[in-house]
Amino acid sequence: MNDIQSVGVIGAGQMGNGIAHVAALAGYTVYLNDVAKERIQSGLATITGNMARQVAAGRIDDEARKAAVERITPAENLDELSEMDLVVEAATENEQVKRKIYAQVCPLLKPEAVLATNTSSISITRLAAATDRPERFVGIHFMNPVPVMEFVELVRGIATADETFALAQRFVERLGKVSAVAEDFPAFIVNRILLPMINEAIYTLYEGVGSVIAIDTAMRLGANHKMGPLQLADFIGLDTCLSIMQVLHDGLADSKYRPCPLLVKYVEAGWLGRKAGRGFYDYRGETPVPTR
C-alpha cells in the first residue's frame, strides 16, 4: 500500500467521532462503527454540531463542512470495514474489550490493511499479539478533543513494520497534526506525566489539603494550566483515569502510581465525570458545582 485512502473507525464516542471528524475534513473516506445504531447516530450528530461550530468560528468554510459530512458513512456492521485501508479502534480503555474487537474484525479486513489503536496506556506489543497482523498494527494516540488538539502520539510495537509506521506518520501529517514518537511503555509520554499529576490532585482532595475549587484554582492560576486537574479528570472520564493509573501501577510496579482510593470510590459510584453528569463536579444544573 502506497498510502491510506479510506479509514474505518470503531467506536463513535468522544474519541472515535473526533477521529472520524478530522479524517473526513482531511479528505479521507470514513466509515464509523459502533455496537449500536443509536451510538453511531449520536456520534454523527456530534460531528455535525462540532463542524458547524468550526464554520461559525471561521476555521473551515461551509463547503468543506458539507464535503466532510458526505464522506462519513455509518457502518452498523464490522464487515462494512472490509475494504478500509486503515481501521482505528477507539473503544473504551479496557484491554479485554479491545481484544474482543480484534478477534471480530481481523478476519474481515483485507491482508494489507493497517489496524491501529487509540489506546492511551495499554501495551501496543501486547495488543498487536492479539491480532493476525502484528507487523501492520500501530498505536495512534489522539488527544481529546480530537478536532481541537493538534498533537498525536505514535507508538510502535516490537513487531510493527517500518512501512506501517511510515503510513501512520503520513496519515497524521495529512490530518494537520503534530506527532511525537513514544516508546511502548505503560501510558507512553503524555499520560505517563499527566495522570500521576491528576491522581496526586485527587489525593490532595482526599487528604483534605484543599477543596475541589481550591485545587483547580491553584493549578489554573498558580501553574497557568488552562483547566484544573479535577475538572480535567471529569473531562477525560474518571473510569479512563483509573484504568490508566492501574496500567501504570501494574506495568511499572511502583507505589507512586497507586490509584487514589477516592478515585476508585467515584468510579464505583458511577460518578465518571461529565459524561455521567457527576464526578468531582455535578453537571446536572446550569452551572457545574463541586461534589465535595
Protein backbone atom coordinates (compact mmCIF):
# COMPACT_ATOMS: atom_id res chain seq x y z
CA MET A 1 0.00 0.00 0.00
CA ASN A 2 1.47 3.35 -1.05
CA ASP A 3 -0.90 5.47 1.02
CA ILE A 4 -4.11 5.42 3.02
CA GLN A 5 -7.28 6.49 1.21
CA SER A 6 -10.04 5.14 3.45
CA VAL A 7 -10.43 4.97 7.22
CA GLY A 8 -12.70 2.87 9.39
CA VAL A 9 -13.29 3.97 12.99
CA ILE A 10 -14.53 1.51 15.60
CA GLY A 11 -16.20 3.43 18.39
CA ALA A 12 -18.37 6.51 17.84
CA GLY A 13 -17.88 8.01 21.28
CA GLN A 14 -15.87 11.03 22.35
CA MET A 15 -12.61 9.90 20.73
CA GLY A 16 -14.00 7.92 17.80
CA ASN A 17 -16.28 10.63 16.46
CA GLY A 18 -13.40 13.10 16.80
CA ILE A 19 -11.10 10.86 14.74
CA ALA A 20 -13.81 10.43 12.09
CA HIS A 21 -14.33 14.21 12.09
CA VAL A 22 -10.68 15.13 11.38
CA ALA A 23 -10.21 12.27 8.89
CA ALA A 24 -13.23 13.37 6.85
CA LEU A 25 -12.08 17.00 6.85
CA ALA A 26 -8.67 15.81 5.58
CA GLY A 27 -10.36 14.18 2.58
CA TYR A 28 -10.50 10.54 3.66
CA THR A 29 -13.46 8.26 3.03
CA VAL A 30 -14.62 7.37 6.55
CA TYR A 31 -16.81 4.55 7.87
CA LEU A 32 -17.94 4.95 11.50
CA ASN A 33 -18.89 1.86 13.50
CA ASP A 34 -20.21 1.17 16.99
CA VAL A 35 -22.08 -1.61 18.77
CA ALA A 36 -25.45 0.14 18.39
CA LYS A 37 -27.05 2.22 15.65
CA GLU A 38 -28.04 4.83 18.24
CA ARG A 39 -24.40 5.37 19.23
CA ILE A 40 -23.39 5.88 15.62
CA GLN A 41 -26.19 8.41 15.12
CA SER A 42 -25.16 10.21 18.30
CA GLY A 43 -21.56 10.32 17.08
CA LEU A 44 -22.64 11.71 13.70
CA ALA A 45 -24.76 14.35 15.43
CA THR A 46 -21.74 15.40 17.50
CA ILE A 47 -19.60 15.65 14.36
CA THR A 48 -22.24 17.76 12.61
CA GLY A 49 -22.51 20.10 15.58
CA ASN A 50 -18.75 20.44 16.02
CA MET A 51 -18.22 21.18 12.33
CA ALA A 52 -20.95 23.82 12.45
CA ARG A 53 -19.09 25.48 15.31
CA GLN A 54 -15.88 25.40 13.24
CA VAL A 55 -17.71 27.17 10.41
CA ALA A 56 -19.10 29.78 12.82
CA ALA A 57 -15.60 30.37 14.18
CA GLY A 58 -14.17 30.76 10.67
CA ARG A 59 -11.85 27.76 10.95
CA ILE A 60 -13.43 25.99 7.96
CA ASP A 61 -15.90 27.11 5.30
CA ASP A 62 -19.34 25.65 4.75
CA GLU A 63 -18.32 23.86 1.55
CA ALA A 64 -15.59 21.99 3.44
CA ARG A 65 -18.11 21.08 6.13
CA LYS A 66 -20.64 19.71 3.64
CA ALA A 67 -17.99 17.71 1.78
CA ALA A 68 -16.62 16.24 5.02
CA VAL A 69 -20.06 15.21 6.30
CA GLU A 70 -20.75 13.44 2.98
CA ARG A 71 -17.51 11.46 3.30
CA ILE A 72 -18.70 9.79 6.53
CA THR A 73 -20.78 6.62 6.23
CA PRO A 74 -22.41 4.92 9.24
CA ALA A 75 -21.29 1.29 9.43
CA GLU A 76 -23.59 -0.79 11.64
CA ASN A 77 -21.66 -3.99 10.96
CA LEU A 78 -17.92 -4.62 11.16
CA ASP A 79 -17.90 -6.34 7.76
CA GLU A 80 -18.57 -2.91 6.22
CA LEU A 81 -14.96 -2.06 7.14
CA SER A 82 -13.56 -4.87 4.99
CA GLU A 83 -12.17 -2.59 2.28
CA MET A 84 -10.73 0.09 4.54
CA ASP A 85 -7.00 0.83 4.22
CA LEU A 86 -6.76 1.85 7.89
CA VAL A 87 -9.01 0.83 10.76
CA VAL A 88 -8.66 2.74 14.03
CA GLU A 89 -10.05 1.12 17.17
CA ALA A 90 -11.25 3.79 19.58
CA ALA A 91 -13.11 1.66 22.10
CA THR A 92 -13.08 2.05 25.87
CA GLU A 93 -9.72 1.79 27.67
CA ASN A 94 -10.19 -1.88 28.54
CA GLU A 95 -7.82 -4.50 27.14
CA GLN A 96 -10.35 -7.32 27.05
CA VAL A 97 -12.85 -5.19 25.12
CA LYS A 98 -10.15 -4.30 22.59
CA ARG A 99 -9.06 -7.93 22.19
CA LYS A 100 -12.65 -8.96 21.55
CA ILE A 101 -12.95 -6.32 18.82
CA TYR A 102 -9.73 -7.51 17.14
CA ALA A 103 -10.94 -11.11 17.16
CA GLN A 104 -14.10 -9.99 15.36
CA VAL A 105 -12.67 -7.50 12.87
CA CYS A 106 -9.32 -9.04 11.83
CA PRO A 107 -10.80 -11.88 9.72
CA LEU A 108 -12.87 -9.30 7.82
CA LEU A 109 -10.03 -6.95 6.84
CA LYS A 110 -8.03 -7.15 3.64
CA PRO A 111 -4.49 -8.52 4.23
CA GLU A 112 -2.74 -5.21 3.57
CA ALA A 113 -4.99 -3.15 5.87
CA VAL A 114 -3.38 -1.39 8.81
CA LEU A 115 -5.03 -1.80 12.22
CA ALA A 116 -4.40 0.96 14.75
CA THR A 117 -5.44 1.51 18.33
CA ASN A 118 -6.15 4.80 20.06
CA THR A 119 -5.24 3.34 23.44
CA SER A 120 -3.85 5.91 25.85
CA SER A 121 -1.90 3.47 28.02
CA ILE A 122 -2.01 -0.23 27.04
CA SER A 123 0.99 -2.04 25.53
CA ILE A 124 0.96 -1.89 21.73
CA THR A 125 3.09 -5.03 21.56
CA ARG A 126 0.63 -6.99 23.69
CA LEU A 127 -2.42 -5.75 21.78
CA ALA A 128 -0.72 -6.50 18.44
CA ALA A 129 -0.14 -10.09 19.56
CA ALA A 130 -3.92 -10.50 19.84
CA THR A 131 -4.32 -9.78 16.10
CA ASP A 132 -3.49 -11.62 12.88
CA ARG A 133 -1.26 -8.72 11.73
CA PRO A 134 1.20 -7.57 14.44
CA GLU A 135 3.50 -6.14 11.75
CA ARG A 136 0.61 -3.99 10.47
CA PHE A 137 -0.52 -2.85 13.92
CA VAL A 138 0.38 0.55 15.41
CA GLY A 139 -0.61 2.92 18.18
CA ILE A 140 -2.07 6.27 17.09
CA HIS A 141 -3.00 8.08 20.29
CA PHE A 142 -5.07 11.19 19.64
CA MET A 143 -5.62 13.82 22.31
CA ASN A 144 -9.08 14.89 23.45
CA PRO A 145 -10.92 16.76 21.95
CA VAL A 146 -9.50 15.46 18.66
CA PRO A 147 -10.67 18.31 16.37
CA VAL A 148 -9.02 20.87 18.67
CA MET A 149 -5.84 19.20 19.92
CA GLU A 150 -3.01 19.24 17.38
CA PHE A 151 -0.81 16.58 18.98
CA VAL A 152 -0.74 12.80 18.38
CA GLU A 153 1.48 10.14 19.97
CA LEU A 154 2.72 7.45 17.59
CA VAL A 155 3.71 4.18 19.24
CA ARG A 156 5.15 1.13 17.54
CA GLY A 157 5.08 -2.36 18.99
CA ILE A 158 8.04 -4.69 18.78
CA ALA A 159 6.63 -6.24 15.59
CA THR A 160 5.39 -3.04 13.86
CA ALA A 161 6.89 -2.86 10.36
CA ASP A 162 8.67 0.26 9.14
CA GLU A 163 6.17 0.57 6.27
CA THR A 164 3.25 0.52 8.74
CA PHE A 165 4.81 3.19 10.88
CA ALA A 166 5.54 5.37 7.85
CA LEU A 167 1.91 5.06 6.72
CA ALA A 168 0.74 6.12 10.18
CA GLN A 169 3.08 9.12 10.13
CA ARG A 170 1.81 10.26 6.73
CA PHE A 171 -1.79 9.81 7.87
CA VAL A 172 -1.22 12.01 10.92
CA GLU A 173 0.57 14.65 8.82
CA ARG A 174 -2.34 14.80 6.37
CA LEU A 175 -4.68 15.42 9.31
CA GLY A 176 -2.62 18.52 10.09
CA LYS A 177 -1.46 17.10 13.41
CA VAL A 178 1.99 17.22 15.01
CA SER A 179 3.27 13.82 16.13
CA ALA A 180 5.92 12.57 18.50
CA VAL A 181 7.20 9.01 18.74
CA ALA A 182 6.72 7.34 22.12
CA GLU A 183 8.30 4.07 23.17
CA ASP A 184 5.97 1.23 24.09
CA PHE A 185 5.99 1.72 27.87
CA PRO A 186 2.87 1.99 30.06
CA ALA A 187 0.88 5.19 29.31
CA PHE A 188 3.53 6.38 26.79
CA ILE A 189 4.55 10.07 27.23
CA VAL A 190 1.53 12.30 27.82
CA ASN A 191 -0.39 10.13 30.26
CA ARG A 192 2.77 8.89 31.99
CA ILE A 193 3.22 12.51 33.10
CA LEU A 194 -0.37 13.82 33.16
CA LEU A 195 -2.28 11.09 35.00
CA PRO A 196 0.00 10.90 38.06
CA MET A 197 -0.48 14.67 38.40
CA ILE A 198 -4.26 14.22 38.28
CA ASN A 199 -4.04 11.30 40.72
CA GLU A 200 -1.97 13.48 43.09
CA ALA A 201 -4.60 16.22 42.84
CA ILE A 202 -7.22 13.65 43.88
CA TYR A 203 -5.00 12.61 46.81
CA THR A 204 -4.77 16.30 47.74
CA LEU A 205 -8.57 16.41 47.86
CA TYR A 206 -8.79 13.04 49.64
CA GLU A 207 -6.39 14.17 52.37
CA GLY A 208 -8.21 17.46 52.90
CA VAL A 209 -5.34 19.67 51.77
CA GLY A 210 -7.71 21.68 49.59
CA SER A 211 -11.25 21.71 48.24
CA VAL A 212 -12.17 20.96 44.62
CA ILE A 213 -12.37 24.69 43.86
CA ALA A 214 -9.14 25.46 45.72
CA ILE A 215 -7.16 22.73 43.94
CA ASP A 216 -8.42 23.64 40.46
CA THR A 217 -7.97 27.37 41.05
CA ALA A 218 -4.47 26.85 42.40
CA MET A 219 -3.36 24.90 39.34
CA ARG A 220 -5.09 27.16 36.83
CA LEU A 221 -3.67 30.38 38.24
CA GLY A 222 -0.60 29.09 40.06
CA ALA A 223 0.67 26.82 37.27
CA ASN A 224 -1.05 28.57 34.34
CA HIS A 225 -2.98 25.45 33.33
CA LYS A 226 -6.00 26.03 31.09
CA MET A 227 -8.07 23.62 33.17
CA GLY A 228 -7.78 22.47 36.77
CA PRO A 229 -6.74 18.81 37.28
CA LEU A 230 -10.07 17.73 38.80
CA GLN A 231 -12.03 19.45 36.04
CA LEU A 232 -9.71 17.79 33.53
CA ALA A 233 -10.24 14.38 35.17
CA ASP A 234 -14.00 14.84 34.76
CA PHE A 235 -13.48 15.78 31.11
CA ILE A 236 -11.31 12.72 30.43
CA GLY A 237 -13.63 10.38 32.34
CA LEU A 238 -12.79 9.07 35.81
CA ASP A 239 -13.06 5.47 34.62
CA THR A 240 -10.42 6.18 31.98
CA CYS A 241 -8.22 7.91 34.57
CA LEU A 242 -8.49 4.90 36.85
CA SER A 243 -7.73 2.46 34.00
CA ILE A 244 -4.57 4.38 33.08
CA MET A 245 -3.38 4.54 36.69
CA GLN A 246 -3.97 0.79 37.03
CA VAL A 247 -1.92 0.17 33.86
CA LEU A 248 0.90 2.33 35.28
CA HIS A 249 0.75 0.67 38.68
CA ASP A 250 0.65 -2.86 37.27
CA GLY A 251 3.16 -2.25 34.49
CA LEU A 252 5.80 -0.32 36.45
CA ALA A 253 5.26 -1.88 39.89
CA ASP A 254 5.90 1.40 41.69
CA SER A 255 3.73 2.52 44.62
CA LYS A 256 3.80 6.12 43.39
CA TYR A 257 1.29 5.08 40.72
CA ARG A 258 -1.24 3.63 43.19
CA PRO A 259 -4.71 4.96 42.26
CA CYS A 260 -6.16 7.23 44.93
CA PRO A 261 -8.93 5.44 46.90
CA LEU A 262 -11.21 8.42 46.28
CA LEU A 263 -10.84 7.95 42.51
CA VAL A 264 -11.77 4.28 42.94
CA LYS A 265 -14.79 5.25 45.06
CA TYR A 266 -16.09 7.73 42.48
CA VAL A 267 -15.79 5.16 39.70
CA GLU A 268 -17.55 2.53 41.81
CA ALA A 269 -20.37 5.03 42.40
CA GLY A 270 -20.71 5.60 38.67
CA TRP A 271 -19.61 9.22 39.06
CA LEU A 272 -17.46 9.16 35.95
CA GLY A 273 -17.32 12.87 35.17
CA ARG A 274 -19.03 14.97 32.53
CA LYS A 275 -20.32 12.01 30.52
CA ALA A 276 -22.19 10.68 33.58
CA GLY A 277 -23.40 14.07 34.83
CA ARG A 278 -21.35 13.83 38.03
CA GLY A 279 -17.72 13.49 39.00
CA PHE A 280 -15.72 15.98 41.02
CA TYR A 281 -18.34 18.42 39.77
CA ASP A 282 -22.08 17.98 39.39
CA TYR A 283 -23.06 18.93 35.82
CA ARG A 284 -26.80 18.38 36.09
CA GLY A 285 -27.65 22.03 36.71
CA GLU A 286 -27.00 25.15 34.68
CA THR A 287 -23.57 25.63 36.29
CA PRO A 288 -21.20 22.85 37.44
CA VAL A 289 -20.83 22.73 41.25
CA PRO A 290 -18.27 20.72 43.26
CA THR A 291 -19.46 17.42 44.72
CA ARG A 292 -17.07 17.72 47.68
